[in-house]
Amino acid sequence: MKIICKTHDETFNIGLKLGAKVKPGQIITLNGDLGAGKTVLAKGIGQSLEVKEDITSPTYNIICEYSGKIPYYHMDLYRISDYDEFEMLGVDHLLFGEGVTVIEWSERIQEYLPDDIIKIVINVDSDNNRILNIQGVEI
């Protein structure tokens, strides 16, 4: 499925709709260039899951854990080079937990993820629209 978002609010609202459909144990991967809108989408998902805290990009923390109606794990693997480095963080168990896990820059560990995940690739066109290519769920 392909969705074109012309504003940050539209991208955020897609996150809200997506968050309403996810279940415990769900993994969502977000890939796209810096500034493509991955964190905006992740914020919408978190709000849909009733996370009360401010959701920020976990680029420097690598992972942020939030409480909502189900646990919400937001990972940013931009600074991780491969699965071995990811495993050394000791958070790989979160991939198979009871929460929803959103992973930015997931291509660094893609081959280790289960097949039944939601995959989202965000591209930015020449008009600065966000083109969301979504696999694994209908919104």
Protein backbone atom coordinates (compact mmCIF):
# COMPACT_ATOMS: atom_id res chain seq x y z
CA MET A 1 0.00 0.00 0.00
CA LYS A 2 1.27 3.48 -0.85
CA ILE A 3 0.14 6.61 1.00
CA ILE A 4 1.17 10.18 0.17
CA CYS A 5 1.37 12.59 3.11
CA LYS A 6 1.68 16.30 2.36
CA THR A 7 2.11 17.46 5.97
CA HIS A 8 3.58 16.29 9.26
CA ASP A 9 0.03 16.09 10.62
CA GLU A 10 -0.97 13.66 7.86
CA THR A 11 2.07 11.49 8.65
CA PHE A 12 1.24 11.65 12.37
CA ASN A 13 -2.37 10.64 11.64
CA ILE A 14 -1.20 7.58 9.69
CA GLY A 15 0.72 6.66 12.85
CA LEU A 16 -2.49 7.03 14.88
CA LYS A 17 -4.36 4.72 12.50
CA LEU A 18 -1.52 2.21 12.51
CA GLY A 19 -1.29 2.25 16.31
CA ALA A 20 -4.99 1.43 16.53
CA LYS A 21 -4.38 -1.78 14.56
CA VAL A 22 -1.28 -3.19 16.26
CA LYS A 23 -1.30 -5.98 18.81
CA PRO A 24 1.10 -6.99 21.59
CA GLY A 25 4.26 -8.51 20.15
CA GLN A 26 3.99 -6.54 16.89
CA ILE A 27 7.16 -5.25 15.23
CA ILE A 28 7.02 -2.24 12.91
CA THR A 29 10.08 -1.26 10.90
CA LEU A 30 10.55 2.31 9.67
CA ASN A 31 13.16 3.04 7.05
CA GLY A 32 13.93 6.25 5.19
CA ASP A 33 16.48 9.01 4.99
CA LEU A 34 17.21 11.39 7.86
CA GLY A 35 14.27 13.77 8.22
CA ALA A 36 11.88 11.57 6.23
CA GLY A 37 9.31 11.43 9.04
CA LYS A 38 10.06 8.18 10.86
CA THR A 39 9.85 9.75 14.31
CA VAL A 40 6.68 11.68 13.41
CA LEU A 41 5.06 8.37 12.46
CA ALA A 42 6.39 6.74 15.66
CA LYS A 43 4.86 9.57 17.73
CA GLY A 44 1.45 8.91 16.17
CA ILE A 45 1.72 5.20 16.95
CA GLY A 46 2.67 5.99 20.54
CA GLN A 47 -0.23 8.39 21.03
CA SER A 48 -2.63 5.75 19.72
CA LEU A 49 -1.21 3.37 22.33
CA GLU A 50 -1.97 6.00 25.00
CA VAL A 51 1.66 6.81 25.78
CA LYS A 52 1.55 9.95 27.93
CA GLU A 53 5.25 10.83 27.75
CA ASP A 54 6.77 12.94 25.00
CA ILE A 55 8.07 10.55 22.34
CA THR A 56 11.44 11.69 21.04
CA SER A 57 13.90 10.26 18.57
CA PRO A 58 16.03 7.68 20.38
CA THR A 59 19.05 8.26 18.10
CA TYR A 60 21.42 8.80 21.03
CA ASN A 61 19.66 6.53 23.53
CA ILE A 62 19.11 3.85 20.87
CA ILE A 63 15.97 2.67 22.66
CA CYS A 64 13.22 4.40 24.57
CA GLU A 65 10.67 2.42 26.55
CA TYR A 66 7.23 3.86 27.20
CA SER A 67 4.19 2.77 29.15
CA GLY A 68 0.79 2.89 27.49
CA LYS A 69 -2.10 0.50 27.18
CA ILE A 70 0.65 -1.96 26.17
CA PRO A 71 4.44 -1.45 26.41
CA TYR A 72 5.88 0.61 23.56
CA TYR A 73 9.53 0.24 22.55
CA HIS A 74 10.97 2.78 20.11
CA MET A 75 14.39 1.88 18.73
CA ASP A 76 16.67 3.89 16.48
CA LEU A 77 19.47 1.73 15.12
CA TYR A 78 21.18 4.48 13.12
CA ARG A 79 24.36 4.14 15.22
CA ILE A 80 24.32 0.31 15.22
CA SER A 81 26.33 -1.45 12.53
CA ASP A 82 24.98 -5.00 12.74
CA TYR A 83 23.07 -7.57 14.78
CA ASP A 84 26.09 -8.45 16.95
CA GLU A 85 26.31 -4.86 18.14
CA PHE A 86 22.53 -4.80 18.66
CA GLU A 87 22.71 -8.00 20.70
CA MET A 88 25.43 -6.50 22.92
CA LEU A 89 22.92 -3.83 24.00
CA GLY A 90 20.90 -6.58 25.68
CA VAL A 91 17.59 -5.42 24.21
CA ASP A 92 17.06 -8.11 21.58
CA HIS A 93 14.52 -9.79 23.91
CA LEU A 94 12.20 -6.81 23.34
CA LEU A 95 11.70 -7.99 19.76
CA PHE A 96 9.76 -10.96 21.09
CA GLY A 97 8.04 -9.40 24.09
CA GLU A 98 4.48 -8.33 24.80
CA GLY A 99 4.92 -4.76 23.66
CA VAL A 100 4.84 -3.02 20.30
CA THR A 101 8.34 -2.44 18.95
CA VAL A 102 9.01 0.29 16.40
CA ILE A 103 12.46 0.13 14.82
CA GLU A 104 13.96 2.99 12.84
CA TRP A 105 16.87 2.02 10.56
CA SER A 106 15.91 -1.65 10.89
CA GLU A 107 17.93 -2.70 7.84
CA ARG A 108 20.88 -3.20 10.20
CA ILE A 109 19.11 -6.24 11.75
CA GLN A 110 16.48 -7.03 9.08
CA GLU A 111 17.62 -10.61 8.46
CA TYR A 112 17.04 -11.46 12.14
CA LEU A 113 13.49 -10.13 12.31
CA PRO A 114 10.48 -12.43 11.97
CA ASP A 115 8.56 -12.49 8.68
CA ASP A 116 5.24 -11.26 10.10
CA ILE A 117 6.24 -7.65 10.70
CA ILE A 118 4.86 -4.38 9.39
CA LYS A 119 7.40 -2.76 7.07
CA ILE A 120 7.25 0.93 6.22
CA VAL A 121 9.62 2.75 3.89
CA ILE A 122 9.32 6.54 3.75
CA ASN A 123 10.59 8.48 0.75
CA VAL A 124 10.48 12.23 0.21
CA ASP A 125 9.54 13.46 -3.27
CA SER A 126 10.56 16.70 -5.00
CA ASP A 127 7.52 18.51 -3.52
CA ASN A 128 8.57 17.45 0.01
CA ASN A 129 5.65 15.01 0.29
CA ARG A 130 6.22 11.82 2.27
CA ILE A 131 5.55 8.65 0.30
CA LEU A 132 4.82 5.80 2.73
CA ASN A 133 5.14 2.30 1.31
CA ILE A 134 3.49 0.00 3.82
CA GLN A 135 3.56 -3.81 3.87
CA GLY A 136 1.95 -6.14 6.37
CA VAL A 137 -1.17 -4.15 7.31
CA GLU A 138 -4.04 -2.29 5.67
CA ILE A 139 -4.80 1.18 6.99
